[in-house]
């Protein structure tokens, strides 16, 4: 069985490549902590980006972004080599906005389970949406545009429209 630590290696490599392309002054001030929690296997991985270094440990702690999902969903996202919620704020220079974001997003999966994305350790869901697991993967990896998903009925907003709109500040 592949562990979450092994699955996260493509993300680590992607972040290192992104950091290498940033100007030195931007790279030196880049700080982001991500915690991935596989709810069904209780595996936890912490990814810390600090300047040009990216470390991965099997530990918990404070995080700018915490993703909680079934391990199969993480496997699908990480094997595709893309986690838009992590990489886009770095690429677009919006980490300051990410550090200021308070709230949470809960994706209720119509085919079972849920995904939670908590920003800066906020514990209360600010926004709840319904979608399939495949669409959740698309949303989190960047292959599904959220506006298109809403307009086509692939994503139904249950609550928290204003928080969802605030996510544009980091993407």
N, C-alpha and C. Protein backbone atom coordinates (compact mmCIF):
# COMPACT_ATOMS: atom_id res chain seq x y z
N UNK A 1 0.84 -1.19 0.00
CA UNK A 1 0.00 0.00 0.00
C UNK A 1 0.88 1.26 0.00
N UNK A 2 0.61 2.16 -0.89
CA UNK A 2 1.34 3.41 -0.98
C UNK A 2 0.88 4.34 0.13
N UNK A 3 1.85 4.96 0.80
CA UNK A 3 1.50 5.87 1.90
C UNK A 3 1.29 7.28 1.37
N UNK A 4 0.64 8.09 2.18
CA UNK A 4 0.41 9.49 1.82
C UNK A 4 1.74 10.22 1.65
N UNK A 5 2.72 9.88 2.45
CA UNK A 5 4.06 10.49 2.32
C UNK A 5 4.67 10.20 0.96
N UNK A 6 4.48 8.99 0.47
CA UNK A 6 5.00 8.64 -0.85
C UNK A 6 4.20 9.34 -1.95
N UNK A 7 2.89 9.42 -1.76
CA UNK A 7 2.04 10.06 -2.76
C UNK A 7 2.33 11.55 -2.92
N UNK A 8 2.79 12.20 -1.84
CA UNK A 8 2.99 13.65 -1.86
C UNK A 8 4.29 14.07 -2.56
N UNK A 9 5.13 13.13 -2.92
CA UNK A 9 6.41 13.47 -3.55
C UNK A 9 6.26 14.27 -4.85
N UNK A 10 5.31 13.96 -5.74
CA UNK A 10 5.16 14.80 -6.94
C UNK A 10 4.80 16.26 -6.59
N UNK A 11 3.99 16.45 -5.54
CA UNK A 11 3.66 17.81 -5.11
C UNK A 11 4.91 18.52 -4.60
N UNK A 12 5.72 17.81 -3.83
CA UNK A 12 6.97 18.39 -3.33
C UNK A 12 7.85 18.82 -4.51
N UNK A 13 8.00 17.94 -5.48
CA UNK A 13 8.83 18.25 -6.65
C UNK A 13 8.26 19.42 -7.44
N UNK A 14 6.94 19.48 -7.56
CA UNK A 14 6.30 20.58 -8.28
C UNK A 14 6.56 21.90 -7.55
N UNK A 15 6.47 21.90 -6.23
CA UNK A 15 6.71 23.12 -5.45
C UNK A 15 8.17 23.56 -5.55
N UNK A 16 9.10 22.62 -5.51
CA UNK A 16 10.52 22.95 -5.65
C UNK A 16 10.77 23.60 -7.01
N UNK A 17 10.16 23.05 -8.06
CA UNK A 17 10.33 23.62 -9.41
C UNK A 17 9.73 25.03 -9.50
N UNK A 18 8.59 25.23 -8.88
CA UNK A 18 7.96 26.56 -8.88
C UNK A 18 8.85 27.55 -8.14
N UNK A 19 9.34 27.15 -6.97
CA UNK A 19 10.19 28.04 -6.17
C UNK A 19 11.46 28.42 -6.92
N UNK A 20 12.03 27.49 -7.67
CA UNK A 20 13.26 27.76 -8.43
C UNK A 20 13.06 28.84 -9.49
N UNK A 21 11.83 29.00 -9.95
CA UNK A 21 11.53 29.99 -10.99
C UNK A 21 11.21 31.37 -10.42
N UNK A 22 11.01 31.48 -9.12
CA UNK A 22 10.68 32.76 -8.51
C UNK A 22 11.92 33.63 -8.34
N UNK A 23 11.77 34.94 -8.39
CA UNK A 23 12.90 35.81 -8.06
C UNK A 23 13.36 35.53 -6.62
N UNK A 24 14.64 35.68 -6.37
CA UNK A 24 15.21 35.34 -5.05
C UNK A 24 14.49 36.05 -3.91
N UNK A 25 14.16 37.33 -4.09
CA UNK A 25 13.50 38.06 -2.99
C UNK A 25 12.12 37.49 -2.70
N UNK A 26 11.40 37.06 -3.71
CA UNK A 26 10.08 36.46 -3.52
C UNK A 26 10.23 35.08 -2.90
N UNK A 27 11.15 34.29 -3.43
CA UNK A 27 11.38 32.93 -2.94
C UNK A 27 11.76 32.95 -1.46
N UNK A 28 12.63 33.88 -1.06
CA UNK A 28 13.10 33.92 0.32
C UNK A 28 11.99 34.23 1.31
N UNK A 29 10.93 34.89 0.86
CA UNK A 29 9.83 35.23 1.78
C UNK A 29 8.63 34.29 1.63
N UNK A 30 8.78 33.26 0.81
CA UNK A 30 7.69 32.31 0.59
C UNK A 30 7.61 31.34 1.76
N UNK A 31 6.45 31.36 2.43
CA UNK A 31 6.22 30.45 3.55
C UNK A 31 4.79 29.94 3.47
N UNK A 32 4.66 28.61 3.56
CA UNK A 32 3.35 27.99 3.49
C UNK A 32 3.42 26.64 4.17
N UNK A 33 2.43 26.35 4.98
CA UNK A 33 2.34 25.04 5.63
C UNK A 33 1.03 24.39 5.23
N UNK A 34 1.14 23.19 4.73
CA UNK A 34 0.00 22.40 4.29
C UNK A 34 -0.04 21.11 5.09
N UNK A 35 -1.23 20.75 5.58
CA UNK A 35 -1.41 19.46 6.24
C UNK A 35 -2.45 18.68 5.46
N UNK A 36 -2.09 17.45 5.09
CA UNK A 36 -3.02 16.54 4.42
C UNK A 36 -3.39 15.46 5.42
N UNK A 37 -4.69 15.28 5.63
CA UNK A 37 -5.18 14.28 6.59
C UNK A 37 -6.09 13.32 5.85
N UNK A 38 -5.62 12.10 5.69
CA UNK A 38 -6.44 11.06 5.04
C UNK A 38 -7.37 10.49 6.10
N UNK A 39 -8.61 10.90 6.06
CA UNK A 39 -9.57 10.60 7.12
C UNK A 39 -9.82 9.11 7.31
N UNK A 40 -9.79 8.34 6.23
CA UNK A 40 -10.11 6.92 6.36
C UNK A 40 -8.93 6.06 6.81
N UNK A 41 -7.71 6.53 6.64
CA UNK A 41 -6.54 5.74 7.06
C UNK A 41 -5.79 6.40 8.22
N UNK A 42 -6.24 7.59 8.61
CA UNK A 42 -5.62 8.36 9.69
C UNK A 42 -4.17 8.72 9.41
N UNK A 43 -3.77 8.74 8.14
CA UNK A 43 -2.43 9.20 7.78
C UNK A 43 -2.44 10.72 7.74
N UNK A 44 -1.37 11.31 8.25
CA UNK A 44 -1.23 12.77 8.23
C UNK A 44 0.15 13.10 7.69
N UNK A 45 0.17 14.05 6.76
CA UNK A 45 1.43 14.52 6.19
C UNK A 45 1.44 16.04 6.26
N UNK A 46 2.57 16.58 6.68
CA UNK A 46 2.76 18.03 6.78
C UNK A 46 3.81 18.44 5.75
N UNK A 47 3.45 19.38 4.89
CA UNK A 47 4.37 19.90 3.88
C UNK A 47 4.65 21.35 4.27
N UNK A 48 5.93 21.66 4.49
CA UNK A 48 6.33 23.01 4.87
C UNK A 48 7.21 23.59 3.78
N UNK A 49 6.75 24.70 3.23
CA UNK A 49 7.52 25.43 2.22
C UNK A 49 8.08 26.66 2.92
N UNK A 50 9.39 26.76 2.96
CA UNK A 50 10.06 27.87 3.63
C UNK A 50 11.23 28.31 2.76
N UNK A 51 11.02 29.40 2.05
CA UNK A 51 12.05 29.84 1.11
C UNK A 51 12.17 28.82 0.00
N UNK A 52 13.38 28.37 -0.26
CA UNK A 52 13.60 27.41 -1.34
C UNK A 52 13.44 25.97 -0.88
N UNK A 53 13.22 25.73 0.42
CA UNK A 53 13.14 24.35 0.90
C UNK A 53 11.70 23.89 1.07
N UNK A 54 11.50 22.62 0.76
CA UNK A 54 10.20 21.99 0.93
C UNK A 54 10.45 20.71 1.72
N UNK A 55 9.86 20.61 2.91
CA UNK A 55 10.03 19.42 3.73
C UNK A 55 8.69 18.72 3.91
N UNK A 56 8.75 17.40 3.97
CA UNK A 56 7.57 16.58 4.16
C UNK A 56 7.82 15.70 5.38
N UNK A 57 6.90 15.77 6.34
CA UNK A 57 6.99 14.93 7.54
C UNK A 57 5.63 14.31 7.82
N UNK A 58 5.63 13.25 8.57
CA UNK A 58 4.39 12.62 8.99
C UNK A 58 4.03 13.18 10.36
N UNK A 59 3.54 14.42 10.36
CA UNK A 59 3.18 15.08 11.61
C UNK A 59 2.05 16.06 11.37
N UNK A 60 1.46 16.50 12.45
CA UNK A 60 0.37 17.46 12.39
C UNK A 60 0.87 18.78 12.96
N UNK A 61 0.03 19.75 13.03
CA UNK A 61 0.38 21.04 13.60
C UNK A 61 -0.36 22.14 12.90
N UNK A 62 -0.10 23.39 13.29
CA UNK A 62 -0.78 24.52 12.65
C UNK A 62 -0.51 24.53 11.14
N UNK A 63 -1.51 25.00 10.39
CA UNK A 63 -1.37 24.98 8.94
C UNK A 63 -2.08 26.17 8.32
N UNK A 64 -1.53 26.67 7.22
CA UNK A 64 -2.22 27.68 6.43
C UNK A 64 -3.36 27.05 5.64
N UNK A 65 -3.17 25.78 5.30
CA UNK A 65 -4.18 25.06 4.56
C UNK A 65 -4.18 23.61 5.04
N UNK A 66 -5.37 23.10 5.36
CA UNK A 66 -5.51 21.72 5.82
C UNK A 66 -6.56 21.04 4.94
N UNK A 67 -6.16 19.97 4.27
CA UNK A 67 -7.08 19.21 3.44
C UNK A 67 -7.37 17.89 4.12
N UNK A 68 -8.64 17.59 4.32
CA UNK A 68 -9.07 16.34 4.92
C UNK A 68 -9.94 15.64 3.90
N UNK A 69 -9.55 14.42 3.54
CA UNK A 69 -10.26 13.69 2.49
C UNK A 69 -9.94 12.20 2.60
N UNK A 70 -10.69 11.37 1.89
CA UNK A 70 -10.32 9.95 1.82
C UNK A 70 -8.99 9.78 1.10
N UNK A 71 -8.22 8.78 1.50
CA UNK A 71 -6.90 8.57 0.91
C UNK A 71 -6.98 8.35 -0.60
N UNK A 72 -8.03 7.72 -1.08
CA UNK A 72 -8.16 7.49 -2.53
C UNK A 72 -8.26 8.80 -3.29
N UNK A 73 -8.91 9.79 -2.70
CA UNK A 73 -9.03 11.09 -3.35
C UNK A 73 -7.66 11.77 -3.41
N UNK A 74 -6.89 11.70 -2.30
CA UNK A 74 -5.53 12.24 -2.33
C UNK A 74 -4.70 11.52 -3.39
N UNK A 75 -4.82 10.20 -3.46
CA UNK A 75 -4.04 9.44 -4.43
C UNK A 75 -4.35 9.91 -5.85
N UNK A 76 -5.63 10.09 -6.16
CA UNK A 76 -6.01 10.55 -7.49
C UNK A 76 -5.43 11.93 -7.77
N UNK A 77 -5.57 12.87 -6.82
CA UNK A 77 -5.05 14.23 -7.03
C UNK A 77 -3.54 14.23 -7.17
N UNK A 78 -2.87 13.55 -6.26
CA UNK A 78 -1.41 13.60 -6.25
C UNK A 78 -0.79 12.83 -7.41
N UNK A 79 -1.44 11.77 -7.86
CA UNK A 79 -0.92 11.04 -9.02
C UNK A 79 -1.07 11.86 -10.30
N UNK A 80 -2.04 12.78 -10.31
CA UNK A 80 -2.18 13.69 -11.44
C UNK A 80 -1.12 14.79 -11.39
N UNK A 81 -0.43 14.90 -10.26
CA UNK A 81 0.67 15.85 -10.14
C UNK A 81 0.25 17.30 -9.99
N UNK A 82 -0.97 17.53 -9.55
CA UNK A 82 -1.42 18.91 -9.43
C UNK A 82 -2.34 19.09 -8.23
N UNK A 83 -2.04 20.08 -7.44
CA UNK A 83 -2.95 20.49 -6.36
C UNK A 83 -3.03 22.02 -6.44
N UNK A 84 -3.95 22.48 -7.23
CA UNK A 84 -4.11 23.90 -7.53
C UNK A 84 -4.20 24.78 -6.29
N UNK A 85 -4.89 24.33 -5.26
CA UNK A 85 -5.05 25.13 -4.07
C UNK A 85 -3.71 25.42 -3.40
N UNK A 86 -2.73 24.57 -3.62
CA UNK A 86 -1.40 24.77 -3.03
C UNK A 86 -0.52 25.60 -3.96
N UNK A 87 -0.50 25.24 -5.23
CA UNK A 87 0.47 25.86 -6.14
C UNK A 87 0.05 27.23 -6.66
N UNK A 88 -1.22 27.44 -6.91
CA UNK A 88 -1.66 28.72 -7.50
C UNK A 88 -1.31 29.93 -6.64
N UNK A 89 -1.55 29.92 -5.33
CA UNK A 89 -1.18 31.11 -4.55
C UNK A 89 0.32 31.42 -4.62
N UNK A 90 1.16 30.38 -4.75
CA UNK A 90 2.60 30.60 -4.86
C UNK A 90 2.92 31.21 -6.23
N UNK A 91 2.41 30.59 -7.28
CA UNK A 91 2.69 31.04 -8.65
C UNK A 91 2.19 32.46 -8.85
N UNK A 92 1.01 32.77 -8.36
CA UNK A 92 0.40 34.08 -8.59
C UNK A 92 0.78 35.14 -7.56
N UNK A 93 1.67 34.78 -6.62
CA UNK A 93 2.11 35.76 -5.62
C UNK A 93 1.00 36.18 -4.67
N UNK A 94 0.11 35.26 -4.34
CA UNK A 94 -1.03 35.59 -3.48
C UNK A 94 -0.95 34.92 -2.11
N UNK A 95 0.24 34.61 -1.66
CA UNK A 95 0.37 33.97 -0.35
C UNK A 95 -0.09 34.87 0.78
N UNK A 96 0.13 36.18 0.66
CA UNK A 96 -0.33 37.09 1.71
C UNK A 96 -1.85 36.98 1.87
N UNK A 97 -2.56 36.91 0.74
CA UNK A 97 -4.01 36.74 0.80
C UNK A 97 -4.38 35.41 1.44
N UNK A 98 -3.63 34.35 1.11
CA UNK A 98 -3.89 33.04 1.70
C UNK A 98 -3.67 33.08 3.21
N UNK A 99 -2.60 33.73 3.65
CA UNK A 99 -2.32 33.81 5.09
C UNK A 99 -3.40 34.56 5.85
N UNK A 100 -4.11 35.45 5.17
CA UNK A 100 -5.17 36.24 5.83
C UNK A 100 -6.54 35.58 5.75
N UNK A 101 -6.68 34.57 4.91
CA UNK A 101 -7.98 33.93 4.70
C UNK A 101 -8.37 33.11 5.92
N UNK A 102 -9.56 33.33 6.41
CA UNK A 102 -10.09 32.56 7.54
C UNK A 102 -11.40 31.93 7.11
N UNK A 103 -11.50 30.65 7.23
CA UNK A 103 -12.73 29.98 6.88
C UNK A 103 -12.46 28.57 6.40
N UNK A 104 -13.52 27.92 5.99
CA UNK A 104 -13.40 26.54 5.57
C UNK A 104 -14.40 26.26 4.45
N UNK A 105 -14.05 25.27 3.67
CA UNK A 105 -14.88 24.83 2.58
C UNK A 105 -15.14 23.34 2.79
N UNK A 106 -16.40 22.94 2.74
CA UNK A 106 -16.72 21.52 2.86
C UNK A 106 -17.39 21.09 1.56
N UNK A 107 -16.82 20.06 0.94
CA UNK A 107 -17.38 19.49 -0.27
C UNK A 107 -18.10 18.20 0.13
N UNK A 108 -19.42 18.20 0.10
CA UNK A 108 -20.19 16.98 0.35
C UNK A 108 -20.25 16.20 -0.95
N UNK A 109 -19.69 15.00 -0.93
CA UNK A 109 -19.60 14.20 -2.14
C UNK A 109 -20.86 13.36 -2.31
N UNK A 110 -21.53 13.55 -3.43
CA UNK A 110 -22.78 12.84 -3.66
C UNK A 110 -22.58 11.33 -3.77
N UNK A 111 -21.36 10.91 -4.10
CA UNK A 111 -21.08 9.48 -4.16
C UNK A 111 -20.39 8.97 -2.89
N UNK A 112 -20.57 9.71 -1.79
CA UNK A 112 -20.10 9.27 -0.48
C UNK A 112 -18.89 10.03 0.03
N UNK A 113 -18.96 10.43 1.28
CA UNK A 113 -17.85 11.09 1.95
C UNK A 113 -17.86 12.59 1.79
N UNK A 114 -16.78 13.19 2.26
CA UNK A 114 -16.63 14.63 2.15
C UNK A 114 -15.16 15.00 2.10
N UNK A 115 -14.92 16.20 1.62
CA UNK A 115 -13.59 16.79 1.60
C UNK A 115 -13.70 18.11 2.34
N UNK A 116 -12.75 18.38 3.22
CA UNK A 116 -12.72 19.67 3.92
C UNK A 116 -11.40 20.37 3.60
N UNK A 117 -11.51 21.67 3.34
CA UNK A 117 -10.34 22.51 3.14
C UNK A 117 -10.46 23.64 4.16
N UNK A 118 -9.59 23.62 5.15
CA UNK A 118 -9.61 24.64 6.20
C UNK A 118 -8.43 25.58 5.98
N UNK A 119 -8.71 26.86 6.03
CA UNK A 119 -7.67 27.86 5.84
C UNK A 119 -7.29 28.47 7.18
N UNK A 120 -6.01 28.43 7.50
CA UNK A 120 -5.45 29.00 8.71
C UNK A 120 -6.16 28.49 9.96
N UNK A 121 -6.38 27.18 9.96
CA UNK A 121 -6.94 26.43 11.08
C UNK A 121 -8.33 26.87 11.50
N UNK A 122 -9.09 27.48 10.59
CA UNK A 122 -10.50 27.77 10.87
C UNK A 122 -11.21 26.43 11.01
N UNK A 123 -12.11 26.32 11.97
CA UNK A 123 -12.76 25.03 12.23
C UNK A 123 -14.21 24.98 11.78
N UNK A 124 -14.84 26.09 11.60
CA UNK A 124 -16.25 26.09 11.21
C UNK A 124 -16.37 26.18 9.69
N UNK A 125 -17.17 25.31 9.08
CA UNK A 125 -17.40 25.46 7.63
C UNK A 125 -18.08 26.79 7.34
N UNK A 126 -17.50 27.52 6.43
CA UNK A 126 -18.07 28.79 5.99
C UNK A 126 -18.86 28.58 4.70
N UNK A 127 -18.48 27.55 3.95
CA UNK A 127 -19.15 27.28 2.70
C UNK A 127 -19.31 25.77 2.55
N UNK A 128 -20.47 25.36 2.07
CA UNK A 128 -20.75 23.95 1.85
C UNK A 128 -21.27 23.81 0.42
N UNK A 129 -20.67 22.89 -0.31
CA UNK A 129 -21.12 22.61 -1.67
C UNK A 129 -21.29 21.10 -1.85
N UNK A 130 -22.13 20.72 -2.81
CA UNK A 130 -22.34 19.32 -3.15
C UNK A 130 -21.79 19.08 -4.55
N UNK A 131 -21.10 17.95 -4.70
CA UNK A 131 -20.57 17.55 -6.00
C UNK A 131 -20.13 16.10 -5.94
N UNK A 132 -19.76 15.54 -7.07
CA UNK A 132 -19.24 14.17 -7.10
C UNK A 132 -17.76 14.18 -6.71
N UNK A 133 -17.24 13.01 -6.39
CA UNK A 133 -15.83 12.91 -6.05
C UNK A 133 -14.97 13.29 -7.25
N UNK A 134 -15.34 12.86 -8.44
CA UNK A 134 -14.57 13.19 -9.64
C UNK A 134 -14.52 14.71 -9.86
N UNK A 135 -15.65 15.38 -9.62
CA UNK A 135 -15.67 16.84 -9.78
C UNK A 135 -14.86 17.52 -8.68
N UNK A 136 -14.86 16.95 -7.47
CA UNK A 136 -14.04 17.51 -6.39
C UNK A 136 -12.57 17.44 -6.75
N UNK A 137 -12.14 16.32 -7.33
CA UNK A 137 -10.75 16.19 -7.79
C UNK A 137 -10.47 17.25 -8.85
N UNK A 138 -11.40 17.41 -9.79
CA UNK A 138 -11.22 18.42 -10.83
C UNK A 138 -11.12 19.82 -10.27
N UNK A 139 -11.94 20.12 -9.28
CA UNK A 139 -11.91 21.44 -8.66
C UNK A 139 -10.57 21.68 -7.94
N UNK A 140 -10.12 20.70 -7.17
CA UNK A 140 -8.89 20.86 -6.39
C UNK A 140 -7.62 20.79 -7.23
N UNK A 141 -7.68 20.15 -8.38
CA UNK A 141 -6.50 20.09 -9.24
C UNK A 141 -6.48 21.17 -10.31
N UNK A 142 -7.60 21.86 -10.47
CA UNK A 142 -7.64 22.95 -11.44
C UNK A 142 -8.16 22.57 -12.81
N UNK A 143 -8.62 21.35 -12.98
CA UNK A 143 -9.16 20.96 -14.28
C UNK A 143 -10.64 21.27 -14.42
N UNK A 144 -11.30 21.63 -13.32
CA UNK A 144 -12.71 22.01 -13.35
C UNK A 144 -12.83 23.44 -12.84
N UNK A 145 -13.33 24.32 -13.67
CA UNK A 145 -13.55 25.71 -13.30
C UNK A 145 -14.77 25.79 -12.38
N UNK A 146 -14.65 26.41 -11.20
CA UNK A 146 -15.79 26.44 -10.27
C UNK A 146 -17.02 27.14 -10.83
N UNK A 147 -16.82 28.21 -11.59
CA UNK A 147 -17.97 28.92 -12.17
C UNK A 147 -18.70 28.04 -13.17
N UNK A 148 -17.94 27.33 -13.99
CA UNK A 148 -18.54 26.42 -14.96
C UNK A 148 -19.28 25.29 -14.23
N UNK A 149 -18.67 24.78 -13.15
CA UNK A 149 -19.29 23.70 -12.39
C UNK A 149 -20.64 24.14 -11.82
N UNK A 150 -20.73 25.36 -11.33
CA UNK A 150 -22.00 25.87 -10.79
C UNK A 150 -23.01 26.06 -11.92
N UNK A 151 -22.58 26.68 -13.00
CA UNK A 151 -23.50 26.97 -14.11
C UNK A 151 -24.04 25.71 -14.78
N UNK A 152 -23.25 24.64 -14.77
CA UNK A 152 -23.70 23.39 -15.41
C UNK A 152 -24.36 22.44 -14.43
N UNK A 153 -24.47 22.84 -13.17
CA UNK A 153 -25.12 22.01 -12.17
C UNK A 153 -24.26 20.91 -11.60
N UNK A 154 -22.98 20.91 -11.94
CA UNK A 154 -22.08 19.89 -11.40
C UNK A 154 -21.69 20.20 -9.96
N UNK A 155 -21.88 21.44 -9.52
CA UNK A 155 -21.61 21.84 -8.15
C UNK A 155 -22.80 22.67 -7.67
N UNK A 156 -23.38 22.26 -6.56
CA UNK A 156 -24.50 23.00 -5.97
C UNK A 156 -24.02 23.67 -4.69
N UNK A 157 -24.22 24.96 -4.59
CA UNK A 157 -23.82 25.71 -3.40
C UNK A 157 -24.94 25.59 -2.37
N UNK A 158 -24.61 25.03 -1.21
CA UNK A 158 -25.57 24.86 -0.13
C UNK A 158 -25.57 26.10 0.75
N UNK A 159 -24.37 26.59 1.08
CA UNK A 159 -24.25 27.79 1.92
C UNK A 159 -22.88 28.41 1.72
N UNK A 160 -22.77 29.68 2.10
CA UNK A 160 -21.48 30.34 2.14
C UNK A 160 -20.99 30.96 0.84
N UNK A 161 -21.89 31.50 0.06
CA UNK A 161 -21.49 32.11 -1.22
C UNK A 161 -20.43 33.19 -1.03
N UNK A 162 -20.55 34.02 0.00
CA UNK A 162 -19.57 35.10 0.18
C UNK A 162 -18.17 34.54 0.46
N UNK A 163 -18.08 33.44 1.22
CA UNK A 163 -16.77 32.83 1.46
C UNK A 163 -16.21 32.24 0.17
N UNK A 164 -17.07 31.60 -0.61
CA UNK A 164 -16.61 31.05 -1.89
C UNK A 164 -16.05 32.15 -2.78
N UNK A 165 -16.69 33.29 -2.79
CA UNK A 165 -16.21 34.41 -3.61
C UNK A 165 -14.87 34.91 -3.09
N UNK A 166 -14.62 34.81 -1.77
CA UNK A 166 -13.35 35.28 -1.22
C UNK A 166 -12.18 34.38 -1.64
N UNK A 167 -12.48 33.16 -2.07
CA UNK A 167 -11.41 32.27 -2.53
C UNK A 167 -10.74 32.79 -3.79
N UNK A 168 -11.43 33.67 -4.52
CA UNK A 168 -10.81 34.30 -5.70
C UNK A 168 -9.56 35.10 -5.33
N UNK A 169 -9.48 35.55 -4.08
CA UNK A 169 -8.30 36.33 -3.66
C UNK A 169 -7.03 35.51 -3.65
N UNK A 170 -7.17 34.16 -3.58
CA UNK A 170 -5.96 33.33 -3.54
C UNK A 170 -5.71 32.57 -4.84
N UNK A 171 -6.66 32.59 -5.75
CA UNK A 171 -6.51 31.79 -6.97
C UNK A 171 -6.15 32.62 -8.15
